[in-house]
Amino acid sequence: MTKQELTDYLEKNLSNHTVFLSNALDYQQEKNKRRPNKKRWTEEKMERAAYKMWLDFSGNVHEKIKVEIKKDPSVSEWSEFIDKNEMLDSLNDAIVEIEFV
């Protein structure tokens, strides 16, 4: 499974995916308030930065699973691994606990 395939899979199957994006956007907005007026980002740029944070998160998940699987099997094998190890539940819990600093 490629990083993009895993990202798509997580976006479809993680109920807290939207929570992550909302919290990441809140973080970007708070960060933006501390910038000088002339250097503040547009809402669109903050949304892109929040989505990049999501891509980094899903990329880290991909790297951790890839190490466990030890090869590049099919999408179905990745799905089975994720289900067997109850990773969606763990990731949903982890997302709720993430604090952006």
PDB file of N, CA and C in Angstrom:
ATOM      1  N   MET A   1       0.862  -1.174   0.000  1.00  0.00           N
ATOM      2  CA  MET A   1       0.000   0.000   0.000  1.00  0.00           C
ATOM      3  C   MET A   1       0.905   1.232   0.000  1.00  0.00           C
ATOM      4  N   THR A   2       0.623   2.143  -0.881  1.00  0.00           N
ATOM      5  CA  THR A   2       1.401   3.372  -0.942  1.00  0.00           C
ATOM      6  C   THR A   2       0.949   4.328   0.162  1.00  0.00           C
ATOM      7  N   LYS A   3       1.727   5.374   0.373  1.00  0.00           N
ATOM      8  CA  LYS A   3       1.340   6.380   1.371  1.00  0.00           C
ATOM      9  C   LYS A   3      -0.007   6.999   1.011  1.00  0.00           C
ATOM     10  N   GLN A   4      -0.204   7.297  -0.260  1.00  0.00           N
ATOM     11  CA  GLN A   4      -1.470   7.911  -0.679  1.00  0.00           C
ATOM     12  C   GLN A   4      -2.641   6.960  -0.480  1.00  0.00           C
ATOM     13  N   GLU A   5      -2.436   5.689  -0.795  1.00  0.00           N
ATOM     14  CA  GLU A   5      -3.503   4.706  -0.583  1.00  0.00           C
ATOM     15  C   GLU A   5      -3.858   4.598   0.899  1.00  0.00           C
ATOM     16  N   LEU A   6      -2.836   4.612   1.758  1.00  0.00           N
ATOM     17  CA  LEU A   6      -3.098   4.551   3.192  1.00  0.00           C
ATOM     18  C   LEU A   6      -3.803   5.824   3.660  1.00  0.00           C
ATOM     19  N   THR A   7      -3.378   6.971   3.173  1.00  0.00           N
ATOM     20  CA  THR A   7      -4.029   8.223   3.533  1.00  0.00           C
ATOM     21  C   THR A   7      -5.503   8.181   3.152  1.00  0.00           C
ATOM     22  N   ASP A   8      -5.798   7.734   1.948  1.00  0.00           N
ATOM     23  CA  ASP A   8      -7.190   7.612   1.494  1.00  0.00           C
ATOM     24  C   ASP A   8      -7.964   6.634   2.388  1.00  0.00           C
ATOM     25  N   TYR A   9      -7.339   5.519   2.711  1.00  0.00           N
ATOM     26  CA  TYR A   9      -7.966   4.509   3.570  1.00  0.00           C
ATOM     27  C   TYR A   9      -8.292   5.099   4.940  1.00  0.00           C
ATOM     28  N   LEU A  10      -7.328   5.822   5.518  1.00  0.00           N
ATOM     29  CA  LEU A  10      -7.546   6.423   6.839  1.00  0.00           C
ATOM     30  C   LEU A  10      -8.637   7.490   6.786  1.00  0.00           C
ATOM     31  N   GLU A  11      -8.648   8.268   5.712  1.00  0.00           N
ATOM     32  CA  GLU A  11      -9.674   9.310   5.587  1.00  0.00           C
ATOM     33  C   GLU A  11     -11.074   8.696   5.511  1.00  0.00           C
ATOM     34  N   LYS A  12     -11.193   7.524   4.906  1.00  0.00           N
ATOM     35  CA  LYS A  12     -12.495   6.861   4.797  1.00  0.00           C
ATOM     36  C   LYS A  12     -12.891   6.144   6.085  1.00  0.00           C
ATOM     37  N   ASN A  13     -11.897   5.637   6.824  1.00  0.00           N
ATOM     38  CA  ASN A  13     -12.197   4.724   7.926  1.00  0.00           C
ATOM     39  C   ASN A  13     -11.955   5.266   9.331  1.00  0.00           C
ATOM     40  N   LEU A  14     -11.251   6.370   9.459  1.00  0.00           N
ATOM     41  CA  LEU A  14     -11.030   6.950  10.784  1.00  0.00           C
ATOM     42  C   LEU A  14     -12.118   7.980  11.074  1.00  0.00           C
ATOM     43  N   SER A  15     -12.882   7.740  12.089  1.00  0.00           N
ATOM     44  CA  SER A  15     -13.940   8.695  12.428  1.00  0.00           C
ATOM     45  C   SER A  15     -13.359  10.010  12.946  1.00  0.00           C
ATOM     46  N   ASN A  16     -12.166   9.975  13.509  1.00  0.00           N
ATOM     47  CA  ASN A  16     -11.561  11.190  14.057  1.00  0.00           C
ATOM     48  C   ASN A  16     -10.656  11.927  13.072  1.00  0.00           C
ATOM     49  N   HIS A  17     -10.689  11.533  11.825  1.00  0.00           N
ATOM     50  CA  HIS A  17      -9.919  12.226  10.793  1.00  0.00           C
ATOM     51  C   HIS A  17     -10.293  13.705  10.757  1.00  0.00           C
ATOM     52  N   THR A  18     -11.591  13.992  10.826  1.00  0.00           N
ATOM     53  CA  THR A  18     -12.049  15.383  10.782  1.00  0.00           C
ATOM     54  C   THR A  18     -11.663  16.130  12.059  1.00  0.00           C
ATOM     55  N   VAL A  19     -11.602  15.415  13.185  1.00  0.00           N
ATOM     56  CA  VAL A  19     -11.161  16.028  14.442  1.00  0.00           C
ATOM     57  C   VAL A  19      -9.709  16.469  14.301  1.00  0.00           C
ATOM     58  N   PHE A  20      -8.880  15.601  13.718  1.00  0.00           N
ATOM     59  CA  PHE A  20      -7.478  15.941  13.505  1.00  0.00           C
ATOM     60  C   PHE A  20      -7.367  17.213  12.669  1.00  0.00           C
ATOM     61  N   LEU A  21      -8.080  17.243  11.546  1.00  0.00           N
ATOM     62  CA  LEU A  21      -7.996  18.406  10.653  1.00  0.00           C
ATOM     63  C   LEU A  21      -8.509  19.674  11.333  1.00  0.00           C
ATOM     64  N   SER A  22      -9.558  19.562  12.098  1.00  0.00           N
ATOM     65  CA  SER A  22     -10.096  20.718  12.815  1.00  0.00           C
ATOM     66  C   SER A  22      -9.098  21.241  13.842  1.00  0.00           C
ATOM     67  N   ASN A  23      -8.514  20.328  14.610  1.00  0.00           N
ATOM     68  CA  ASN A  23      -7.522  20.736  15.614  1.00  0.00           C
ATOM     69  C   ASN A  23      -6.265  21.307  14.958  1.00  0.00           C
ATOM     70  N   ALA A  24      -5.857  20.719  13.849  1.00  0.00           N
ATOM     71  CA  ALA A  24      -4.686  21.224  13.133  1.00  0.00           C
ATOM     72  C   ALA A  24      -4.962  22.618  12.580  1.00  0.00           C
ATOM     73  N   LEU A  25      -6.158  22.851  12.084  1.00  0.00           N
ATOM     74  CA  LEU A  25      -6.515  24.174  11.577  1.00  0.00           C
ATOM     75  C   LEU A  25      -6.567  25.187  12.716  1.00  0.00           C
ATOM     76  N   ASP A  26      -7.133  24.793  13.856  1.00  0.00           N
ATOM     77  CA  ASP A  26      -7.135  25.683  15.030  1.00  0.00           C
ATOM     78  C   ASP A  26      -5.706  26.061  15.421  1.00  0.00           C
ATOM     79  N   TYR A  27      -4.814  25.072  15.406  1.00  0.00           N
ATOM     80  CA  TYR A  27      -3.410  25.309  15.720  1.00  0.00           C
ATOM     81  C   TYR A  27      -2.795  26.307  14.726  1.00  0.00           C
ATOM     82  N   GLN A  28      -3.059  26.110  13.446  1.00  0.00           N
ATOM     83  CA  GLN A  28      -2.519  27.013  12.423  1.00  0.00           C
ATOM     84  C   GLN A  28      -3.083  28.422  12.583  1.00  0.00           C
ATOM     85  N   GLN A  29      -4.343  28.537  12.957  1.00  0.00           N
ATOM     86  CA  GLN A  29      -4.950  29.856  13.149  1.00  0.00           C
ATOM     87  C   GLN A  29      -4.343  30.574  14.351  1.00  0.00           C
ATOM     88  N   GLU A  30      -4.095  29.836  15.429  1.00  0.00           N
ATOM     89  CA  GLU A  30      -3.450  30.438  16.607  1.00  0.00           C
ATOM     90  C   GLU A  30      -2.026  30.881  16.271  1.00  0.00           C
ATOM     91  N   LYS A  31      -1.340  30.054  15.529  1.00  0.00           N
ATOM     92  CA  LYS A  31       0.020  30.374  15.100  1.00  0.00           C
ATOM     93  C   LYS A  31       0.006  31.624  14.212  1.00  0.00           C
ATOM     94  N   ASN A  32      -1.003  31.730  13.384  1.00  0.00           N
ATOM     95  CA  ASN A  32      -1.122  32.848  12.460  1.00  0.00           C
ATOM     96  C   ASN A  32      -1.357  34.162  13.205  1.00  0.00           C
ATOM     97  N   LYS A  33      -2.092  34.096  14.306  1.00  0.00           N
ATOM     98  CA  LYS A  33      -2.366  35.301  15.096  1.00  0.00           C
ATOM     99  C   LYS A  33      -1.089  35.919  15.655  1.00  0.00           C
ATOM    100  N   ARG A  34      -0.081  35.101  15.869  1.00  0.00           N
ATOM    101  CA  ARG A  34       1.189  35.591  16.425  1.00  0.00           C
ATOM    102  C   ARG A  34       2.117  36.175  15.360  1.00  0.00           C
ATOM    103  N   ARG A  35       1.758  35.995  14.111  1.00  0.00           N
ATOM    104  CA  ARG A  35       2.573  36.558  13.033  1.00  0.00           C
ATOM    105  C   ARG A  35       2.284  38.050  12.898  1.00  0.00           C
ATOM    106  N   PRO A  36       3.285  38.806  12.451  1.00  0.00           N
ATOM    107  CA  PRO A  36       3.024  40.225  12.157  1.00  0.00           C
ATOM    108  C   PRO A  36       1.946  40.329  11.076  1.00  0.00           C
ATOM    109  N   ASN A  37       1.169  41.399  11.115  1.00  0.00           N
ATOM    110  CA  ASN A  37       0.049  41.561  10.182  1.00  0.00           C
ATOM    111  C   ASN A  37       0.435  41.338   8.730  1.00  0.00           C
ATOM    112  N   LYS A  38       1.561  41.866   8.311  1.00  0.00           N
ATOM    113  CA  LYS A  38       1.954  41.749   6.906  1.00  0.00           C
ATOM    114  C   LYS A  38       2.385  40.336   6.519  1.00  0.00           C
ATOM    115  N   LYS A  39       2.675  39.498   7.511  1.00  0.00           N
ATOM    116  CA  LYS A  39       3.135  38.137   7.219  1.00  0.00           C
ATOM    117  C   LYS A  39       2.081  37.080   7.536  1.00  0.00           C
ATOM    118  N   ARG A  40       0.874  37.507   7.847  1.00  0.00           N
ATOM    119  CA  ARG A  40      -0.175  36.534   8.156  1.00  0.00           C
ATOM    120  C   ARG A  40      -0.588  35.765   6.910  1.00  0.00           C
ATOM    121  N   TRP A  41      -0.930  34.511   7.146  1.00  0.00           N
ATOM    122  CA  TRP A  41      -1.323  33.629   6.063  1.00  0.00           C
ATOM    123  C   TRP A  41      -2.803  33.791   5.757  1.00  0.00           C
ATOM    124  N   THR A  42      -3.159  33.455   4.530  1.00  0.00           N
ATOM    125  CA  THR A  42      -4.570  33.421   4.149  1.00  0.00           C
ATOM    126  C   THR A  42      -5.198  32.158   4.744  1.00  0.00           C
ATOM    127  N   GLU A  43      -6.511  32.141   4.782  1.00  0.00           N
ATOM    128  CA  GLU A  43      -7.225  30.964   5.286  1.00  0.00           C
ATOM    129  C   GLU A  43      -6.872  29.728   4.454  1.00  0.00           C
ATOM    130  N   GLU A  44      -6.754  29.921   3.152  1.00  0.00           N
ATOM    131  CA  GLU A  44      -6.414  28.803   2.260  1.00  0.00           C
ATOM    132  C   GLU A  44      -5.040  28.219   2.591  1.00  0.00           C
ATOM    133  N   LYS A  45      -4.080  29.082   2.856  1.00  0.00           N
ATOM    134  CA  LYS A  45      -2.730  28.612   3.180  1.00  0.00           C
ATOM    135  C   LYS A  45      -2.723  27.875   4.523  1.00  0.00           C
ATOM    136  N   MET A  46      -3.523  28.353   5.478  1.00  0.00           N
ATOM    137  CA  MET A  46      -3.609  27.659   6.770  1.00  0.00           C
ATOM    138  C   MET A  46      -4.262  26.292   6.598  1.00  0.00           C
ATOM    139  N   GLU A  47      -5.276  26.192   5.739  1.00  0.00           N
ATOM    140  CA  GLU A  47      -5.927  24.906   5.475  1.00  0.00           C
ATOM    141  C   GLU A  47      -4.950  23.933   4.825  1.00  0.00           C
ATOM    142  N   ARG A  48      -4.146  24.431   3.906  1.00  0.00           N
ATOM    143  CA  ARG A  48      -3.133  23.566   3.271  1.00  0.00           C
ATOM    144  C   ARG A  48      -2.112  23.089   4.306  1.00  0.00           C
ATOM    145  N   ALA A  49      -1.701  23.985   5.215  1.00  0.00           N
ATOM    146  CA  ALA A  49      -0.738  23.617   6.254  1.00  0.00           C
ATOM    147  C   ALA A  49      -1.340  22.571   7.194  1.00  0.00           C
ATOM    148  N   ALA A  50      -2.614  22.722   7.528  1.00  0.00           N
ATOM    149  CA  ALA A  50      -3.289  21.738   8.388  1.00  0.00           C
ATOM    150  C   ALA A  50      -3.371  20.393   7.676  1.00  0.00           C
ATOM    151  N   TYR A  51      -3.675  20.398   6.382  1.00  0.00           N
ATOM    152  CA  TYR A  51      -3.744  19.144   5.639  1.00  0.00           C
ATOM    153  C   TYR A  51      -2.360  18.510   5.519  1.00  0.00           C
ATOM    154  N   LYS A  52      -1.328  19.333   5.409  1.00  0.00           N
ATOM    155  CA  LYS A  52       0.044  18.795   5.374  1.00  0.00           C
ATOM    156  C   LYS A  52       0.362  18.100   6.696  1.00  0.00           C
ATOM    157  N   MET A  53      -0.132  18.651   7.793  1.00  0.00           N
ATOM    158  CA  MET A  53       0.057  17.995   9.084  1.00  0.00           C
ATOM    159  C   MET A  53      -0.604  16.615   9.071  1.00  0.00           C
ATOM    160  N   TRP A  54      -1.784  16.528   8.463  1.00  0.00           N
ATOM    161  CA  TRP A  54      -2.472  15.239   8.329  1.00  0.00           C
ATOM    162  C   TRP A  54      -1.645  14.277   7.479  1.00  0.00           C
ATOM    163  N   LEU A  55      -1.096  14.781   6.374  1.00  0.00           N
ATOM    164  CA  LEU A  55      -0.272  13.926   5.519  1.00  0.00           C
ATOM    165  C   LEU A  55       0.969  13.437   6.254  1.00  0.00           C
ATOM    166  N   ASP A  56       1.560  14.283   7.072  1.00  0.00           N
ATOM    167  CA  ASP A  56       2.715  13.865   7.880  1.00  0.00           C
ATOM    168  C   ASP A  56       2.313  12.766   8.863  1.00  0.00           C
ATOM    169  N   PHE A  57       1.150  12.945   9.496  1.00  0.00           N
ATOM    170  CA  PHE A  57       0.640  11.950  10.434  1.00  0.00           C
ATOM    171  C   PHE A  57       0.420  10.607   9.725  1.00  0.00           C
ATOM    172  N   SER A  58      -0.281  10.631   8.607  1.00  0.00           N
ATOM    173  CA  SER A  58      -0.561   9.378   7.898  1.00  0.00           C
ATOM    174  C   SER A  58       0.727   8.776   7.325  1.00  0.00           C
ATOM    175  N   GLY A  59       1.680   9.625   6.943  1.00  0.00           N
ATOM    176  CA  GLY A  59       2.972   9.126   6.470  1.00  0.00           C
ATOM    177  C   GLY A  59       3.736   8.400   7.568  1.00  0.00           C
ATOM    178  N   ASN A  60       3.650   8.929   8.795  1.00  0.00           N
ATOM    179  CA  ASN A  60       4.287   8.256   9.932  1.00  0.00           C
ATOM    180  C   ASN A  60       3.632   6.908  10.207  1.00  0.00           C
ATOM    181  N   VAL A  61       2.316   6.861  10.104  1.00  0.00           N
ATOM    182  CA  VAL A  61       1.593   5.593  10.282  1.00  0.00           C
ATOM    183  C   VAL A  61       2.044   4.606   9.200  1.00  0.00           C
ATOM    184  N   HIS A  62       2.161   5.088   7.978  1.00  0.00           N
ATOM    185  CA  HIS A  62       2.600   4.231   6.871  1.00  0.00           C
ATOM    186  C   HIS A  62       3.972   3.634   7.163  1.00  0.00           C
ATOM    187  N   GLU A  63       4.897   4.456   7.614  1.00  0.00           N
ATOM    188  CA  GLU A  63       6.256   3.964   7.887  1.00  0.00           C
ATOM    189  C   GLU A  63       6.259   2.911   8.997  1.00  0.00           C
ATOM    190  N   LYS A  64       5.451   3.108  10.024  1.00  0.00           N
ATOM    191  CA  LYS A  64       5.393   2.139  11.119  1.00  0.00           C
ATOM    192  C   LYS A  64       4.795   0.806  10.662  1.00  0.00           C
ATOM    193  N   ILE A  65       3.758   0.860   9.853  1.00  0.00           N
ATOM    194  CA  ILE A  65       3.149  -0.379   9.361  1.00  0.00           C
ATOM    195  C   ILE A  65       4.093  -1.073   8.390  1.00  0.00           C
ATOM    196  N   LYS A  66       4.738  -0.302   7.538  1.00  0.00           N
ATOM    197  CA  LYS A  66       5.649  -0.866   6.538  1.00  0.00           C
ATOM    198  C   LYS A  66       6.756  -1.681   7.202  1.00  0.00           C
ATOM    199  N   VAL A  67       7.248  -1.199   8.324  1.00  0.00           N
ATOM    200  CA  VAL A  67       8.291  -1.919   9.053  1.00  0.00           C
ATOM    201  C   VAL A  67       7.755  -3.243   9.587  1.00  0.00           C
ATOM    202  N   GLU A  68       6.520  -3.239  10.041  1.00  0.00           N
ATOM    203  CA  GLU A  68       5.918  -4.453  10.595  1.00  0.00           C
ATOM    204  C   GLU A  68       5.621  -5.494   9.526  1.00  0.00           C
ATOM    205  N   ILE A  69       5.215  -5.048   8.368  1.00  0.00           N
ATOM    206  CA  ILE A  69       4.834  -5.981   7.309  1.00  0.00           C
ATOM    207  C   ILE A  69       6.068  -6.524   6.587  1.00  0.00           C
ATOM    208  N   LYS A  70       7.120  -5.758   6.552  1.00  0.00           N
ATOM    209  CA  LYS A  70       8.423  -6.158   6.005  1.00  0.00           C
ATOM    210  C   LYS A  70       8.490  -6.317   4.487  1.00  0.00           C
ATOM    211  N   LYS A  71       7.404  -6.144   3.813  1.00  0.00           N
ATOM    212  CA  LYS A  71       7.408  -6.179   2.355  1.00  0.00           C
ATOM    213  C   LYS A  71       6.299  -5.264   1.887  1.00  0.00           C
ATOM    214  N   ASP A  72       6.080  -5.178   0.621  1.00  0.00           N
ATOM    215  CA  ASP A  72       5.051  -4.287   0.097  1.00  0.00           C
ATOM    216  C   ASP A  72       3.883  -5.103  -0.443  1.00  0.00           C
ATOM    217  N   PRO A  73       3.089  -5.691   0.466  1.00  0.00           N
ATOM    218  CA  PRO A  73       1.986  -6.535   0.017  1.00  0.00           C
ATOM    219  C   PRO A  73       0.824  -5.725  -0.536  1.00  0.00           C
ATOM    220  N   SER A  74      -0.186  -6.424  -0.905  1.00  0.00           N
ATOM    221  CA  SER A  74      -1.358  -5.795  -1.504  1.00  0.00           C
ATOM    222  C   SER A  74      -2.118  -4.950  -0.483  1.00  0.00           C
ATOM    223  N   VAL A  75      -3.005  -4.126  -1.011  1.00  0.00           N
ATOM    224  CA  VAL A  75      -3.843  -3.270  -0.175  1.00  0.00           C
ATOM    225  C   VAL A  75      -4.656  -4.125   0.798  1.00  0.00           C
ATOM    226  N   SER A  76      -5.158  -5.258   0.344  1.00  0.00           N
ATOM    227  CA  SER A  76      -5.978  -6.104   1.220  1.00  0.00           C
ATOM    228  C   SER A  76      -5.160  -6.635   2.402  1.00  0.00           C
ATOM    229  N   GLU A  77      -3.891  -6.952   2.178  1.00  0.00           N
ATOM    230  CA  GLU A  77      -3.050  -7.429   3.279  1.00  0.00           C
ATOM    231  C   GLU A  77      -2.817  -6.318   4.296  1.00  0.00           C
ATOM    232  N   TRP A  78      -2.637  -5.099   3.826  1.00  0.00           N
ATOM    233  CA  TRP A  78      -2.491  -3.963   4.741  1.00  0.00           C
ATOM    234  C   TRP A  78      -3.776  -3.789   5.536  1.00  0.00           C
ATOM    235  N   SER A  79      -4.913  -3.865   4.874  1.00  0.00           N
ATOM    236  CA  SER A  79      -6.206  -3.718   5.544  1.00  0.00           C
ATOM    237  C   SER A  79      -6.387  -4.788   6.612  1.00  0.00           C
ATOM    238  N   GLU A  80      -6.026  -6.015   6.287  1.00  0.00           N
ATOM    239  CA  GLU A  80      -6.123  -7.112   7.253  1.00  0.00           C
ATOM    240  C   GLU A  80      -5.218  -6.857   8.448  1.00  0.00           C
ATOM    241  N   PHE A  81      -4.003  -6.387   8.203  1.00  0.00           N
ATOM    242  CA  PHE A  81      -3.066  -6.079   9.287  1.00  0.00           C
ATOM    243  C   PHE A  81      -3.638  -4.996  10.193  1.00  0.00           C
ATOM    244  N   ILE A  82      -4.197  -3.950   9.584  1.00  0.00           N
ATOM    245  CA  ILE A  82      -4.783  -2.842  10.345  1.00  0.00           C
ATOM    246  C   ILE A  82      -5.954  -3.336  11.188  1.00  0.00           C
ATOM    247  N   ASP A  83      -6.811  -4.169  10.602  1.00  0.00           N
ATOM    248  CA  ASP A  83      -7.966  -4.712  11.328  1.00  0.00           C
ATOM    249  C   ASP A  83      -7.523  -5.645  12.458  1.00  0.00           C
ATOM    250  N   LYS A  84      -6.616  -6.541  12.131  1.00  0.00           N
ATOM    251  CA  LYS A  84      -6.149  -7.531  13.107  1.00  0.00           C
ATOM    252  C   LYS A  84      -5.544  -6.857  14.332  1.00  0.00           C
ATOM    253  N   ASN A  85      -4.838  -5.784  14.133  1.00  0.00           N
ATOM    254  CA  ASN A  85      -4.170  -5.082  15.234  1.00  0.00           C
ATOM    255  C   ASN A  85      -4.997  -3.924  15.801  1.00  0.00           C
ATOM    256  N   GLU A  86      -6.245  -3.832  15.370  1.00  0.00           N
ATOM    257  CA  GLU A  86      -7.162  -2.801  15.849  1.00  0.00           C
ATOM    258  C   GLU A  86      -6.542  -1.403  15.801  1.00  0.00           C
ATOM    259  N   MET A  87      -5.859  -1.142  14.726  1.00  0.00           N
ATOM    260  CA  MET A  87      -5.142   0.123  14.589  1.00  0.00           C
ATOM    261  C   MET A  87      -6.079   1.312  14.434  1.00  0.00           C
ATOM    262  N   LEU A  88      -7.227   1.128  13.805  1.00  0.00           N
ATOM    263  CA  LEU A  88      -8.147   2.252  13.642  1.00  0.00           C
ATOM    264  C   LEU A  88      -8.612   2.770  15.000  1.00  0.00           C
ATOM    265  N   ASP A  89      -8.922   1.856  15.919  1.00  0.00           N
ATOM    266  CA  ASP A  89      -9.320   2.273  17.263  1.00  0.00           C
ATOM    267  C   ASP A  89      -8.179   3.011  17.961  1.00  0.00           C
ATOM    268  N   SER A  90      -6.982   2.464  17.849  1.00  0.00           N
ATOM    269  CA  SER A  90      -5.821   3.094  18.481  1.00  0.00           C
ATOM    270  C   SER A  90      -5.539   4.469  17.894  1.00  0.00           C
ATOM    271  N   LEU A  91      -5.646   4.576  16.579  1.00  0.00           N
ATOM    272  CA  LEU A  91      -5.392   5.867  15.935  1.00  0.00           C
ATOM    273  C   LEU A  91      -6.473   6.888  16.288  1.00  0.00           C
ATOM    274  N   ASN A  92      -7.721   6.446  16.347  1.00  0.00           N
ATOM    275  CA  ASN A  92      -8.802   7.350  16.751  1.00  0.00           C
ATOM    276  C   ASN A  92      -8.551   7.882  18.159  1.00  0.00           C
ATOM    277  N   ASP A  93      -8.134   6.998  19.063  1.00  0.00           N
ATOM    278  CA  ASP A  93      -7.816   7.422  20.429  1.00  0.00           C
ATOM    279  C   ASP A  93      -6.629   8.374  20.453  1.00  0.00           C
ATOM    280  N   ALA A  94      -5.614   8.060  19.675  1.00  0.00           N
ATOM    281  CA  ALA A  94      -4.416   8.903  19.637  1.00  0.00           C
ATOM    282  C   ALA A  94      -4.728  10.299  19.107  1.00  0.00           C
ATOM    283  N   ILE A  95      -5.579  10.379  18.110  1.00  0.00           N
ATOM    284  CA  ILE A  95      -5.934  11.674  17.522  1.00  0.00           C
ATOM    285  C   ILE A  95      -6.585  12.577  18.566  1.00  0.00           C
ATOM    286  N   VAL A  96      -7.444  11.999  19.384  1.00  0.00           N
ATOM    287  CA  VAL A  96      -8.130  12.795  20.412  1.00  0.00           C
ATOM    288  C   VAL A  96      -7.114  13.357  21.414  1.00  0.00           C
ATOM    289  N   GLU A  97      -6.043  12.611  21.655  1.00  0.00           N
ATOM    290  CA  GLU A  97      -5.067  13.011  22.655  1.00  0.00           C
ATOM    291  C   GLU A  97      -3.965  13.929  22.119  1.00  0.00           C
ATOM    292  N   ILE A  98      -3.861  14.081  20.813  1.00  0.00           N
ATOM    293  CA  ILE A  98      -2.806  14.903  20.236  1.00  0.00           C
ATOM    294  C   ILE A  98      -2.996  16.361  20.637  1.00  0.00           C
ATOM    295  N   GLU A  99      -1.920  16.955  21.116  1.00  0.00           N
ATOM    296  CA  GLU A  99      -1.917  18.386  21.409  1.00  0.00           C
ATOM    297  C   GLU A  99      -0.842  19.030  20.539  1.00  0.00           C
ATOM    298  N   PHE A 100      -1.251  19.942  19.704  1.00  0.00           N
ATOM    299  CA  PHE A 100      -0.302  20.636  18.856  1.00  0.00           C
ATOM    300  C   PHE A 100       0.302  21.791  19.652  1.00  0.00           C
ATOM    301  N   VAL A 101       1.602  21.841  19.633  1.00  0.00           N
ATOM    302  CA  VAL A 101       2.287  22.890  20.408  1.00  0.00           C
ATOM    303  C   VAL A 101       3.116  23.743  19.495  1.00  0.00           C
TER     304      VAL A 101
END
